[in-house]
Amino acid sequence: KWCSPDKAADFVGKAALQRLVAEGTPRRSVVGLQFSAEGGKGVGLGPLFRPWRVRAADTGAAVGFVTSVCFSPAVGAHLAIATIDVESSADGTAVTVETTGLGPRSAVVRKLPFLPRKA
C-alpha cells in the first residue's frame, strides 16, 4: 500500500481509495515486462516522459501502461515496469507495447522482482 484509506487526515483521492478497498479486488497490478529480442531493439532507458500504452497481444485491447524501461545485463533483455489490468497480469502473458516513435514492440509479463533475491 502506498497510503492508508483509514487515516483520519483527508487527502486527494481518499474517497476513491476507500471505494476500491470496499470492492475488495484490485483492477490493476504492477508487473514486469520482458521485451523479446526484436521488441527490445532501440527501446531506450529510464523513466518515460509519457507512459507507453500496453495492449493484449491477442485482442489489441488496451490493458495498461509502461512507466520505465532499461536493459538488464543479468537477464540479457530490455525490462520494463508496467501497471496492467489484473486479467492480463499472469506471468508469461503476451502483450504489445506502443513505444513513442519506435512503433509496437512485443513483450511478455514477468513477475517482480525479475531476479530472485539472494538469501
PDB file of N, CA and C in Angstrom:
ATOM      1  N   LYS A   1       0.839  -1.189   0.000  1.00  0.00           N
ATOM      2  CA  LYS A   1       0.000   0.000   0.000  1.00  0.00           C
ATOM      3  C   LYS A   1       0.876   1.242   0.000  1.00  0.00           C
ATOM      4  N   TRP A   2       0.485   2.203  -0.784  1.00  0.00           N
ATOM      5  CA  TRP A   2       1.216   3.466  -0.832  1.00  0.00           C
ATOM      6  C   TRP A   2       0.658   4.454   0.176  1.00  0.00           C
ATOM      7  N   CYS A   3      -0.611   4.328   0.501  1.00  0.00           N
ATOM      8  CA  CYS A   3      -1.220   5.189   1.509  1.00  0.00           C
ATOM      9  C   CYS A   3      -2.386   4.426   2.134  1.00  0.00           C
ATOM     10  N   SER A   4      -2.812   4.870   3.284  1.00  0.00           N
ATOM     11  CA  SER A   4      -3.862   4.165   4.012  1.00  0.00           C
ATOM     12  C   SER A   4      -5.182   4.918   3.924  1.00  0.00           C
ATOM     13  N   PRO A   5      -6.231   4.251   3.446  1.00  0.00           N
ATOM     14  CA  PRO A   5      -7.535   4.912   3.391  1.00  0.00           C
ATOM     15  C   PRO A   5      -8.151   5.076   4.777  1.00  0.00           C
ATOM     16  N   ASP A   6      -7.549   4.452   5.784  1.00  0.00           N
ATOM     17  CA  ASP A   6      -8.067   4.532   7.150  1.00  0.00           C
ATOM     18  C   ASP A   6      -7.529   5.724   7.932  1.00  0.00           C
ATOM     19  N   LYS A   7      -6.609   6.483   7.334  1.00  0.00           N
ATOM     20  CA  LYS A   7      -6.046   7.648   8.017  1.00  0.00           C
ATOM     21  C   LYS A   7      -7.138   8.664   8.323  1.00  0.00           C
ATOM     22  N   ALA A   8      -7.031   9.279   9.488  1.00  0.00           N
ATOM     23  CA  ALA A   8      -8.009  10.298   9.874  1.00  0.00           C
ATOM     24  C   ALA A   8      -7.906  11.528   8.975  1.00  0.00           C
ATOM     25  N   ALA A   9      -6.693  11.859   8.559  1.00  0.00           N
ATOM     26  CA  ALA A   9      -6.482  13.046   7.724  1.00  0.00           C
ATOM     27  C   ALA A   9      -7.123  12.852   6.350  1.00  0.00           C
ATOM     28  N   ASP A  10      -7.625  13.946   5.806  1.00  0.00           N
ATOM     29  CA  ASP A  10      -8.206  13.903   4.472  1.00  0.00           C
ATOM     30  C   ASP A  10      -7.100  14.102   3.443  1.00  0.00           C
ATOM     31  N   PHE A  11      -7.225  13.471   2.290  1.00  0.00           N
ATOM     32  CA  PHE A  11      -6.263  13.652   1.206  1.00  0.00           C
ATOM     33  C   PHE A  11      -6.967  13.435  -0.124  1.00  0.00           C
ATOM     34  N   VAL A  12      -6.393  13.985  -1.181  1.00  0.00           N
ATOM     35  CA  VAL A  12      -6.970  13.864  -2.510  1.00  0.00           C
ATOM     36  C   VAL A  12      -7.021  12.385  -2.889  1.00  0.00           C
ATOM     37  N   GLY A  13      -8.175  11.923  -3.323  1.00  0.00           N
ATOM     38  CA  GLY A  13      -8.342  10.540  -3.737  1.00  0.00           C
ATOM     39  C   GLY A  13      -8.765   9.588  -2.633  1.00  0.00           C
ATOM     40  N   LYS A  14      -8.958  10.099  -1.424  1.00  0.00           N
ATOM     41  CA  LYS A  14      -9.295   9.232  -0.285  1.00  0.00           C
ATOM     42  C   LYS A  14     -10.602   8.471  -0.533  1.00  0.00           C
ATOM     43  N   ALA A  15     -11.630   9.158  -1.012  1.00  0.00           N
ATOM     44  CA  ALA A  15     -12.923   8.506  -1.250  1.00  0.00           C
ATOM     45  C   ALA A  15     -12.796   7.410  -2.312  1.00  0.00           C
ATOM     46  N   ALA A  16     -12.048   7.689  -3.365  1.00  0.00           N
ATOM     47  CA  ALA A  16     -11.854   6.687  -4.419  1.00  0.00           C
ATOM     48  C   ALA A  16     -11.094   5.484  -3.889  1.00  0.00           C
ATOM     49  N   LEU A  17     -10.081   5.722  -3.072  1.00  0.00           N
ATOM     50  CA  LEU A  17      -9.303   4.632  -2.488  1.00  0.00           C
ATOM     51  C   LEU A  17     -10.165   3.797  -1.542  1.00  0.00           C
ATOM     52  N   GLN A  18     -10.992   4.447  -0.744  1.00  0.00           N
ATOM     53  CA  GLN A  18     -11.886   3.719   0.158  1.00  0.00           C
ATOM     54  C   GLN A  18     -12.865   2.847  -0.633  1.00  0.00           C
ATOM     55  N   ARG A  19     -13.357   3.359  -1.758  1.00  0.00           N
ATOM     56  CA  ARG A  19     -14.270   2.593  -2.607  1.00  0.00           C
ATOM     57  C   ARG A  19     -13.573   1.355  -3.170  1.00  0.00           C
ATOM     58  N   LEU A  20     -12.329   1.510  -3.636  1.00  0.00           N
ATOM     59  CA  LEU A  20     -11.580   0.367  -4.165  1.00  0.00           C
ATOM     60  C   LEU A  20     -11.339  -0.689  -3.098  1.00  0.00           C
ATOM     61  N   VAL A  21     -11.001  -0.262  -1.895  1.00  0.00           N
ATOM     62  CA  VAL A  21     -10.786  -1.206  -0.793  1.00  0.00           C
ATOM     63  C   VAL A  21     -12.091  -1.939  -0.475  1.00  0.00           C
ATOM     64  N   ALA A  22     -13.211  -1.223  -0.480  1.00  0.00           N
ATOM     65  CA  ALA A  22     -14.510  -1.834  -0.181  1.00  0.00           C
ATOM     66  C   ALA A  22     -14.890  -2.875  -1.233  1.00  0.00           C
ATOM     67  N   GLU A  23     -14.512  -2.639  -2.501  1.00  0.00           N
ATOM     68  CA  GLU A  23     -14.810  -3.594  -3.572  1.00  0.00           C
ATOM     69  C   GLU A  23     -13.996  -4.875  -3.410  1.00  0.00           C
ATOM     70  N   GLY A  24     -12.844  -4.772  -2.771  1.00  0.00           N
ATOM     71  CA  GLY A  24     -12.077  -5.955  -2.427  1.00  0.00           C
ATOM     72  C   GLY A  24     -11.136  -6.519  -3.463  1.00  0.00           C
ATOM     73  N   THR A  25     -11.211  -6.110  -4.693  1.00  0.00           N
ATOM     74  CA  THR A  25     -10.298  -6.650  -5.699  1.00  0.00           C
ATOM     75  C   THR A  25      -9.657  -5.518  -6.477  1.00  0.00           C
ATOM     76  N   PRO A  26      -8.346  -5.561  -6.630  1.00  0.00           N
ATOM     77  CA  PRO A  26      -7.693  -4.526  -7.425  1.00  0.00           C
ATOM     78  C   PRO A  26      -8.007  -4.721  -8.907  1.00  0.00           C
ATOM     79  N   ARG A  27      -8.060  -3.642  -9.617  1.00  0.00           N
ATOM     80  CA  ARG A  27      -8.290  -3.705 -11.061  1.00  0.00           C
ATOM     81  C   ARG A  27      -6.990  -3.797 -11.841  1.00  0.00           C
ATOM     82  N   ARG A  28      -5.940  -3.269 -11.249  1.00  0.00           N
ATOM     83  CA  ARG A  28      -4.640  -3.265 -11.924  1.00  0.00           C
ATOM     84  C   ARG A  28      -3.567  -3.810 -11.005  1.00  0.00           C
ATOM     85  N   SER A  29      -2.469  -4.235 -11.614  1.00  0.00           N
ATOM     86  CA  SER A  29      -1.355  -4.802 -10.870  1.00  0.00           C
ATOM     87  C   SER A  29      -0.046  -4.272 -11.451  1.00  0.00           C
ATOM     88  N   VAL A  30       0.944  -4.072 -10.592  1.00  0.00           N
ATOM     89  CA  VAL A  30       2.276  -3.672 -11.057  1.00  0.00           C
ATOM     90  C   VAL A  30       3.044  -4.952 -11.380  1.00  0.00           C
ATOM     91  N   VAL A  31       3.528  -5.032 -12.618  1.00  0.00           N
ATOM     92  CA  VAL A  31       4.238  -6.219 -13.092  1.00  0.00           C
ATOM     93  C   VAL A  31       5.496  -5.804 -13.845  1.00  0.00           C
ATOM     94  N   GLY A  32       6.297  -6.778 -14.168  1.00  0.00           N
ATOM     95  CA  GLY A  32       7.431  -6.554 -15.045  1.00  0.00           C
ATOM     96  C   GLY A  32       7.069  -6.980 -16.453  1.00  0.00           C
ATOM     97  N   LEU A  33       7.726  -6.398 -17.426  1.00  0.00           N
ATOM     98  CA  LEU A  33       7.611  -6.843 -18.810  1.00  0.00           C
ATOM     99  C   LEU A  33       9.009  -7.145 -19.312  1.00  0.00           C
ATOM    100  N   GLN A  34       9.150  -8.215 -20.059  1.00  0.00           N
ATOM    101  CA  GLN A  34      10.423  -8.548 -20.693  1.00  0.00           C
ATOM    102  C   GLN A  34      10.204  -8.489 -22.194  1.00  0.00           C
ATOM    103  N   PHE A  35      10.969  -7.614 -22.853  1.00  0.00           N
ATOM    104  CA  PHE A  35      10.838  -7.466 -24.293  1.00  0.00           C
ATOM    105  C   PHE A  35      11.522  -8.619 -25.001  1.00  0.00           C
ATOM    106  N   SER A  36      10.959  -9.021 -26.132  1.00  0.00           N
ATOM    107  CA  SER A  36      11.604 -10.036 -26.958  1.00  0.00           C
ATOM    108  C   SER A  36      12.859  -9.420 -27.564  1.00  0.00           C
ATOM    109  N   ALA A  37      13.718 -10.242 -28.162  1.00  0.00           N
ATOM    110  CA  ALA A  37      14.940  -9.715 -28.784  1.00  0.00           C
ATOM    111  C   ALA A  37      14.579  -8.651 -29.814  1.00  0.00           C
ATOM    112  N   GLU A  38      13.563  -8.913 -30.617  1.00  0.00           N
ATOM    113  CA  GLU A  38      13.093  -7.942 -31.611  1.00  0.00           C
ATOM    114  C   GLU A  38      12.473  -6.747 -30.920  1.00  0.00           C
ATOM    115  N   GLY A  39      11.695  -7.009 -29.870  1.00  0.00           N
ATOM    116  CA  GLY A  39      10.973  -5.945 -29.188  1.00  0.00           C
ATOM    117  C   GLY A  39      11.859  -4.976 -28.448  1.00  0.00           C
ATOM    118  N   GLY A  40      13.035  -5.436 -27.992  1.00  0.00           N
ATOM    119  CA  GLY A  40      13.914  -4.577 -27.219  1.00  0.00           C
ATOM    120  C   GLY A  40      14.781  -3.647 -28.033  1.00  0.00           C
ATOM    121  N   LYS A  41      14.877  -3.868 -29.331  1.00  0.00           N
ATOM    122  CA  LYS A  41      15.750  -3.041 -30.168  1.00  0.00           C
ATOM    123  C   LYS A  41      15.334  -1.579 -30.127  1.00  0.00           C
ATOM    124  N   GLY A  42      16.244  -0.729 -29.690  1.00  0.00           N
ATOM    125  CA  GLY A  42      16.004   0.704 -29.693  1.00  0.00           C
ATOM    126  C   GLY A  42      15.012   1.201 -28.664  1.00  0.00           C
ATOM    127  N   VAL A  43      14.667   0.376 -27.682  1.00  0.00           N
ATOM    128  CA  VAL A  43      13.648   0.763 -26.708  1.00  0.00           C
ATOM    129  C   VAL A  43      14.099   1.917 -25.832  1.00  0.00           C
ATOM    130  N   GLY A  44      15.361   1.959 -25.441  1.00  0.00           N
ATOM    131  CA  GLY A  44      15.858   3.061 -24.624  1.00  0.00           C
ATOM    132  C   GLY A  44      15.974   2.696 -23.165  1.00  0.00           C
ATOM    133  N   LEU A  45      16.186   3.708 -22.349  1.00  0.00           N
ATOM    134  CA  LEU A  45      16.452   3.503 -20.929  1.00  0.00           C
ATOM    135  C   LEU A  45      15.717   4.509 -20.065  1.00  0.00           C
ATOM    136  N   GLY A  46      15.452   4.127 -18.817  1.00  0.00           N
ATOM    137  CA  GLY A  46      14.997   5.064 -17.802  1.00  0.00           C
ATOM    138  C   GLY A  46      13.512   5.320 -17.758  1.00  0.00           C
ATOM    139  N   PRO A  47      13.131   6.307 -16.933  1.00  0.00           N
ATOM    140  CA  PRO A  47      11.725   6.672 -16.816  1.00  0.00           C
ATOM    141  C   PRO A  47      11.249   7.321 -18.108  1.00  0.00           C
ATOM    142  N   LEU A  48       9.982   7.191 -18.383  1.00  0.00           N
ATOM    143  CA  LEU A  48       9.431   7.721 -19.625  1.00  0.00           C
ATOM    144  C   LEU A  48       8.771   9.071 -19.386  1.00  0.00           C
ATOM    145  N   PHE A  49       8.947   9.971 -20.350  1.00  0.00           N
ATOM    146  CA  PHE A  49       8.305  11.282 -20.274  1.00  0.00           C
ATOM    147  C   PHE A  49       6.793  11.117 -20.320  1.00  0.00           C
ATOM    148  N   ARG A  50       6.340  10.211 -21.186  1.00  0.00           N
ATOM    149  CA  ARG A  50       4.916   9.900 -21.301  1.00  0.00           C
ATOM    150  C   ARG A  50       4.784   8.376 -21.300  1.00  0.00           C
ATOM    151  N   PRO A  51       3.969   7.805 -20.429  1.00  0.00           N
ATOM    152  CA  PRO A  51       3.852   6.342 -20.362  1.00  0.00           C
ATOM    153  C   PRO A  51       3.466   5.731 -21.702  1.00  0.00           C
ATOM    154  N   TRP A  52       3.976   4.542 -21.947  1.00  0.00           N
ATOM    155  CA  TRP A  52       3.650   3.800 -23.164  1.00  0.00           C
ATOM    156  C   TRP A  52       2.441   2.913 -22.913  1.00  0.00           C
ATOM    157  N   ARG A  53       1.534   2.857 -23.866  1.00  0.00           N
ATOM    158  CA  ARG A  53       0.329   2.024 -23.781  1.00  0.00           C
ATOM    159  C   ARG A  53       0.716   0.553 -23.931  1.00  0.00           C
ATOM    160  N   VAL A  54       0.089  -0.310 -23.137  1.00  0.00           N
ATOM    161  CA  VAL A  54       0.264  -1.759 -23.250  1.00  0.00           C
ATOM    162  C   VAL A  54      -1.054  -2.343 -23.740  1.00  0.00           C
ATOM    163  N   ARG A  55      -0.970  -3.218 -24.747  1.00  0.00           N
ATOM    164  CA  ARG A  55      -2.163  -3.859 -25.309  1.00  0.00           C
ATOM    165  C   ARG A  55      -2.030  -5.376 -25.229  1.00  0.00           C
ATOM    166  N   ALA A  56      -3.152  -6.061 -25.083  1.00  0.00           N
ATOM    167  CA  ALA A  56      -3.156  -7.523 -25.120  1.00  0.00           C
ATOM    168  C   ALA A  56      -2.740  -7.945 -26.525  1.00  0.00           C
ATOM    169  N   ALA A  57      -1.803  -8.873 -26.635  1.00  0.00           N
ATOM    170  CA  ALA A  57      -1.304  -9.294 -27.944  1.00  0.00           C
ATOM    171  C   ALA A  57      -2.391  -9.980 -28.768  1.00  0.00           C
ATOM    172  N   ASP A  58      -3.298 -10.695 -28.108  1.00  0.00           N
ATOM    173  CA  ASP A  58      -4.309 -11.449 -28.850  1.00  0.00           C
ATOM    174  C   ASP A  58      -5.494 -10.607 -29.309  1.00  0.00           C
ATOM    175  N   THR A  59      -5.912  -9.621 -28.516  1.00  0.00           N
ATOM    176  CA  THR A  59      -7.105  -8.840 -28.861  1.00  0.00           C
ATOM    177  C   THR A  59      -6.810  -7.398 -29.263  1.00  0.00           C
ATOM    178  N   GLY A  60      -5.654  -6.891 -28.866  1.00  0.00           N
ATOM    179  CA  GLY A  60      -5.333  -5.492 -29.124  1.00  0.00           C
ATOM    180  C   GLY A  60      -5.973  -4.532 -28.136  1.00  0.00           C
ATOM    181  N   ALA A  61      -6.680  -5.068 -27.140  1.00  0.00           N
ATOM    182  CA  ALA A  61      -7.333  -4.219 -26.140  1.00  0.00           C
ATOM    183  C   ALA A  61      -6.297  -3.546 -25.251  1.00  0.00           C
ATOM    184  N   ALA A  62      -6.529  -2.274 -24.920  1.00  0.00           N
ATOM    185  CA  ALA A  62      -5.639  -1.552 -24.010  1.00  0.00           C
ATOM    186  C   ALA A  62      -5.771  -2.162 -22.618  1.00  0.00           C
ATOM    187  N   VAL A  63      -4.624  -2.562 -22.018  1.00  0.00           N
ATOM    188  CA  VAL A  63      -4.650  -3.207 -20.698  1.00  0.00           C
ATOM    189  C   VAL A  63      -3.799  -2.488 -19.663  1.00  0.00           C
ATOM    190  N   GLY A  64      -3.059  -1.439 -20.055  1.00  0.00           N
ATOM    191  CA  GLY A  64      -2.245  -0.737 -19.072  1.00  0.00           C
ATOM    192  C   GLY A  64      -1.207   0.162 -19.703  1.00  0.00           C
ATOM    193  N   PHE A  65      -0.119   0.423 -18.931  1.00  0.00           N
ATOM    194  CA  PHE A  65       0.920   1.315 -19.423  1.00  0.00           C
ATOM    195  C   PHE A  65       2.265   1.008 -18.771  1.00  0.00           C
ATOM    196  N   VAL A  66       3.331   1.355 -19.495  1.00  0.00           N
ATOM    197  CA  VAL A  66       4.718   1.208 -19.024  1.00  0.00           C
ATOM    198  C   VAL A  66       5.183   2.557 -18.511  1.00  0.00           C
ATOM    199  N   THR A  67       5.886   2.553 -17.361  1.00  0.00           N
ATOM    200  CA  THR A  67       6.401   3.801 -16.807  1.00  0.00           C
ATOM    201  C   THR A  67       7.908   3.928 -16.888  1.00  0.00           C
ATOM    202  N   SER A  68       8.633   2.801 -16.961  1.00  0.00           N
ATOM    203  CA  SER A  68      10.093   2.867 -17.065  1.00  0.00           C
ATOM    204  C   SER A  68      10.609   1.611 -17.741  1.00  0.00           C
ATOM    205  N   VAL A  69      11.779   1.746 -18.344  1.00  0.00           N
ATOM    206  CA  VAL A  69      12.373   0.633 -19.085  1.00  0.00           C
ATOM    207  C   VAL A  69      13.888   0.730 -19.015  1.00  0.00           C
ATOM    208  N   CYS A  70      14.561  -0.421 -19.014  1.00  0.00           N
ATOM    209  CA  CYS A  70      16.021  -0.431 -19.040  1.00  0.00           C
ATOM    210  C   CYS A  70      16.507  -1.773 -19.573  1.00  0.00           C
ATOM    211  N   PHE A  71      17.777  -1.829 -19.939  1.00  0.00           N
ATOM    212  CA  PHE A  71      18.388  -3.090 -20.349  1.00  0.00           C
ATOM    213  C   PHE A  71      18.990  -3.751 -19.125  1.00  0.00           C
ATOM    214  N   SER A  72      18.780  -5.049 -18.974  1.00  0.00           N
ATOM    215  CA  SER A  72      19.345  -5.806 -17.860  1.00  0.00           C
ATOM    216  C   SER A  72      20.404  -6.772 -18.375  1.00  0.00           C
ATOM    217  N   PRO A  73      21.684  -6.509 -18.065  1.00  0.00           N
ATOM    218  CA  PRO A  73      22.719  -7.464 -18.460  1.00  0.00           C
ATOM    219  C   PRO A  73      22.515  -8.829 -17.798  1.00  0.00           C
ATOM    220  N   ALA A  74      21.991  -8.853 -16.570  1.00  0.00           N
ATOM    221  CA  ALA A  74      21.782 -10.119 -15.858  1.00  0.00           C
ATOM    222  C   ALA A  74      20.731 -10.989 -16.541  1.00  0.00           C
ATOM    223  N   VAL A  75      19.693 -10.364 -17.075  1.00  0.00           N
ATOM    224  CA  VAL A  75      18.633 -11.101 -17.759  1.00  0.00           C
ATOM    225  C   VAL A  75      18.940 -11.219 -19.250  1.00  0.00           C
ATOM    226  N   GLY A  76      19.688 -10.248 -19.784  1.00  0.00           N
ATOM    227  CA  GLY A  76      20.020 -10.248 -21.205  1.00  0.00           C
ATOM    228  C   GLY A  76      18.892  -9.743 -22.078  1.00  0.00           C
ATOM    229  N   ALA A  77      18.066  -8.851 -21.521  1.00  0.00           N
ATOM    230  CA  ALA A  77      16.929  -8.319 -22.268  1.00  0.00           C
ATOM    231  C   ALA A  77      16.536  -6.960 -21.710  1.00  0.00           C
ATOM    232  N   HIS A  78      15.753  -6.218 -22.504  1.00  0.00           N
ATOM    233  CA  HIS A  78      15.164  -4.982 -22.005  1.00  0.00           C
ATOM    234  C   HIS A  78      13.985  -5.351 -21.115  1.00  0.00           C
ATOM    235  N   LEU A  79      13.885  -4.687 -19.970  1.00  0.00           N
ATOM    236  CA  LEU A  79      12.830  -4.931 -18.998  1.00  0.00           C
ATOM    237  C   LEU A  79      12.076  -3.639 -18.738  1.00  0.00           C
ATOM    238  N   ALA A  80      10.833  -3.764 -18.324  1.00  0.00           N
ATOM    239  CA  ALA A  80      10.018  -2.586 -18.029  1.00  0.00           C
ATOM    240  C   ALA A  80       9.167  -2.844 -16.797  1.00  0.00           C
ATOM    241  N   ILE A  81       8.771  -1.760 -16.155  1.00  0.00           N
ATOM    242  CA  ILE A  81       7.792  -1.804 -15.081  1.00  0.00           C
ATOM    243  C   ILE A  81       6.486  -1.289 -15.680  1.00  0.00           C
ATOM    244  N   ALA A  82       5.404  -2.035 -15.464  1.00  0.00           N
ATOM    245  CA  ALA A  82       4.118  -1.670 -16.052  1.00  0.00           C
ATOM    246  C   ALA A  82       3.002  -1.846 -15.034  1.00  0.00           C
ATOM    247  N   THR A  83       1.949  -1.082 -15.225  1.00  0.00           N
ATOM    248  CA  THR A  83       0.717  -1.256 -14.469  1.00  0.00           C
ATOM    249  C   THR A  83      -0.317  -1.729 -15.471  1.00  0.00           C
ATOM    250  N   ILE A  84      -0.844  -2.952 -15.257  1.00  0.00           N
ATOM    251  CA  ILE A  84      -1.789  -3.511 -16.221  1.00  0.00           C
ATOM    252  C   ILE A  84      -2.990  -4.127 -15.507  1.00  0.00           C
ATOM    253  N   ASP A  85      -4.051  -4.362 -16.277  1.00  0.00           N
ATOM    254  CA  ASP A  85      -5.258  -4.980 -15.740  1.00  0.00           C
ATOM    255  C   ASP A  85      -4.921  -6.342 -15.140  1.00  0.00           C
ATOM    256  N   VAL A  86      -5.541  -6.664 -14.024  1.00  0.00           N
ATOM    257  CA  VAL A  86      -5.287  -7.927 -13.329  1.00  0.00           C
ATOM    258  C   VAL A  86      -5.514  -9.119 -14.264  1.00  0.00           C
ATOM    259  N   GLU A  87      -6.516  -9.045 -15.117  1.00  0.00           N
ATOM    260  CA  GLU A  87      -6.821 -10.157 -16.031  1.00  0.00           C
ATOM    261  C   GLU A  87      -5.681 -10.449 -16.998  1.00  0.00           C
ATOM    262  N   SER A  88      -4.810  -9.489 -17.235  1.00  0.00           N
ATOM    263  CA  SER A  88      -3.689  -9.655 -18.168  1.00  0.00           C
ATOM    264  C   SER A  88      -2.352  -9.785 -17.458  1.00  0.00           C
ATOM    265  N   SER A  89      -2.365  -9.956 -16.134  1.00  0.00           N
ATOM    266  CA  SER A  89      -1.125  -9.880 -15.362  1.00  0.00           C
ATOM    267  C   SER A  89      -0.450 -11.221 -15.069  1.00  0.00           C
ATOM    268  N   ALA A  90      -0.942 -12.313 -15.631  1.00  0.00           N
ATOM    269  CA  ALA A  90      -0.327 -13.621 -15.379  1.00  0.00           C
ATOM    270  C   ALA A  90       1.054 -13.701 -16.029  1.00  0.00           C
ATOM    271  N   ASP A  91       1.991 -14.320 -15.319  1.00  0.00           N
ATOM    272  CA  ASP A  91       3.353 -14.494 -15.821  1.00  0.00           C
ATOM    273  C   ASP A  91       3.311 -15.201 -17.173  1.00  0.00           C
ATOM    274  N   GLY A  92       3.992 -14.640 -18.167  1.00  0.00           N
ATOM    275  CA  GLY A  92       4.046 -15.235 -19.497  1.00  0.00           C
ATOM    276  C   GLY A  92       3.020 -14.713 -20.481  1.00  0.00           C
ATOM    277  N   THR A  93       2.108 -13.847 -20.033  1.00  0.00           N
ATOM    278  CA  THR A  93       1.093 -13.285 -20.925  1.00  0.00           C
ATOM    279  C   THR A  93       1.752 -12.397 -21.976  1.00  0.00           C
ATOM    280  N   ALA A  94       1.423 -12.625 -23.238  1.00  0.00           N
ATOM    281  CA  ALA A  94       1.981 -11.832 -24.334  1.00  0.00           C
ATOM    282  C   ALA A  94       1.254 -10.496 -24.443  1.00  0.00           C
ATOM    283  N   VAL A  95       2.038  -9.422 -24.588  1.00  0.00           N
ATOM    284  CA  VAL A  95       1.492  -8.079 -24.758  1.00  0.00           C
ATOM    285  C   VAL A  95       2.257  -7.357 -25.860  1.00  0.00           C
ATOM    286  N   THR A  96       1.683  -6.272 -26.315  1.00  0.00           N
ATOM    287  CA  THR A  96       2.340  -5.385 -27.267  1.00  0.00           C
ATOM    288  C   THR A  96       2.440  -4.015 -26.619  1.00  0.00           C
ATOM    289  N   VAL A  97       3.631  -3.428 -26.660  1.00  0.00           N
ATOM    290  CA  VAL A  97       3.861  -2.114 -26.061  1.00  0.00           C
ATOM    291  C   VAL A  97       3.984  -1.089 -27.178  1.00  0.00           C
ATOM    292  N   GLU A  98       3.181  -0.030 -27.106  1.00  0.00           N
ATOM    293  CA  GLU A  98       3.234   1.052 -28.088  1.00  0.00           C
ATOM    294  C   GLU A  98       4.269   2.069 -27.629  1.00  0.00           C
ATOM    295  N   THR A  99       5.466   1.977 -28.177  1.00  0.00           N
ATOM    296  CA  THR A  99       6.544   2.881 -27.793  1.00  0.00           C
ATOM    297  C   THR A  99       6.407   4.206 -28.519  1.00  0.00           C
ATOM    298  N   THR A 100       6.966   5.246 -27.953  1.00  0.00           N
ATOM    299  CA  THR A 100       6.929   6.559 -28.580  1.00  0.00           C
ATOM    300  C   THR A 100       7.961   6.615 -29.693  1.00  0.00           C
ATOM    301  N   GLY A 101       7.504   6.754 -30.914  1.00  0.00           N
ATOM    302  CA  GLY A 101       8.393   6.914 -32.052  1.00  0.00           C
ATOM    303  C   GLY A 101       9.058   5.648 -32.561  1.00  0.00           C
ATOM    304  N   LEU A 102       8.874   4.518 -31.894  1.00  0.00           N
ATOM    305  CA  LEU A 102       9.514   3.271 -32.319  1.00  0.00           C
ATOM    306  C   LEU A 102       8.519   2.232 -32.803  1.00  0.00           C
ATOM    307  N   GLY A 103       7.243   2.519 -32.667  1.00  0.00           N
ATOM    308  CA  GLY A 103       6.224   1.561 -33.070  1.00  0.00           C
ATOM    309  C   GLY A 103       5.987   0.494 -32.019  1.00  0.00           C
ATOM    310  N   PRO A 104       5.129  -0.469 -32.336  1.00  0.00           N
ATOM    311  CA  PRO A 104       4.794  -1.518 -31.374  1.00  0.00           C
ATOM    312  C   PRO A 104       5.954  -2.480 -31.149  1.00  0.00           C
ATOM    313  N   ARG A 105       6.095  -2.953 -29.901  1.00  0.00           N
ATOM    314  CA  ARG A 105       7.153  -3.896 -29.525  1.00  0.00           C
ATOM    315  C   ARG A 105       6.535  -5.047 -28.736  1.00  0.00           C
ATOM    316  N   SER A 106       6.974  -6.268 -29.026  1.00  0.00           N
ATOM    317  CA  SER A 106       6.484  -7.471 -28.344  1.00  0.00           C
ATOM    318  C   SER A 106       7.148  -7.634 -26.986  1.00  0.00           C
ATOM    319  N   ALA A 107       6.359  -8.058 -25.995  1.00  0.00           N
ATOM    320  CA  ALA A 107       6.887  -8.309 -24.653  1.00  0.00           C
ATOM    321  C   ALA A 107       6.018  -9.363 -23.978  1.00  0.00           C
ATOM    322  N   VAL A 108       6.514  -9.894 -22.861  1.00  0.00           N
ATOM    323  CA  VAL A 108       5.728 -10.818 -22.041  1.00  0.00           C
ATOM    324  C   VAL A 108       5.741 -10.338 -20.597  1.00  0.00           C
ATOM    325  N   VAL A 109       4.668 -10.616 -19.885  1.00  0.00           N
ATOM    326  CA  VAL A 109       4.555 -10.254 -18.472  1.00  0.00           C
ATOM    327  C   VAL A 109       5.472 -11.153 -17.658  1.00  0.00           C
ATOM    328  N   ARG A 110       6.192 -10.548 -16.706  1.00  0.00           N
ATOM    329  CA  ARG A 110       7.065 -11.284 -15.784  1.00  0.00           C
ATOM    330  C   ARG A 110       6.762 -10.838 -14.359  1.00  0.00           C
ATOM    331  N   LYS A 111       6.831 -11.785 -13.430  1.00  0.00           N
ATOM    332  CA  LYS A 111       6.647 -11.456 -12.017  1.00  0.00           C
ATOM    333  C   LYS A 111       7.823 -10.626 -11.529  1.00  0.00           C
ATOM    334  N   LEU A 112       7.556  -9.756 -10.579  1.00  0.00           N
ATOM    335  CA  LEU A 112       8.615  -8.972  -9.944  1.00  0.00           C
ATOM    336  C   LEU A 112       8.993  -9.610  -8.623  1.00  0.00           C
ATOM    337  N   PRO A 113      10.220  -9.561  -8.210  1.00  0.00           N
ATOM    338  CA  PRO A 113      11.361  -8.994  -8.930  1.00  0.00           C
ATOM    339  C   PRO A 113      11.777  -9.902 -10.081  1.00  0.00           C
ATOM    340  N   PHE A 114      12.492  -9.324 -11.055  1.00  0.00           N
ATOM    341  CA  PHE A 114      12.921 -10.089 -12.221  1.00  0.00           C
ATOM    342  C   PHE A 114      13.893 -11.197 -11.840  1.00  0.00           C
ATOM    343  N   LEU A 115      14.751 -10.921 -10.874  1.00  0.00           N
ATOM    344  CA  LEU A 115      15.731 -11.904 -10.406  1.00  0.00           C
ATOM    345  C   LEU A 115      15.389 -12.301  -8.979  1.00  0.00           C
ATOM    346  N   PRO A 116      15.597 -13.570  -8.623  1.00  0.00           N
ATOM    347  CA  PRO A 116      15.324 -13.960  -7.235  1.00  0.00           C
ATOM    348  C   PRO A 116      16.253 -13.236  -6.273  1.00  0.00           C
ATOM    349  N   ARG A 117      15.724 -12.901  -5.121  1.00  0.00           N
ATOM    350  CA  ARG A 117      16.539 -12.230  -4.103  1.00  0.00           C
ATOM    351  C   ARG A 117      17.510 -13.216  -3.491  1.00  0.00           C
ATOM    352  N   LYS A 118      18.711 -12.727  -3.189  1.00  0.00           N
ATOM    353  CA  LYS A 118      19.716 -13.569  -2.542  1.00  0.00           C
ATOM    354  C   LYS A 118      19.376 -13.694  -1.070  1.00  0.00           C
ATOM    355  N   ALA A 119      19.522 -14.902  -0.547  1.00  0.00           N
ATOM    356  CA  ALA A 119      19.192 -15.148   0.865  1.00  0.00           C
ATOM    357  C   ALA A 119      20.239 -14.579   1.785  1.00  0.00           C
TER     358      ALA A 119
END
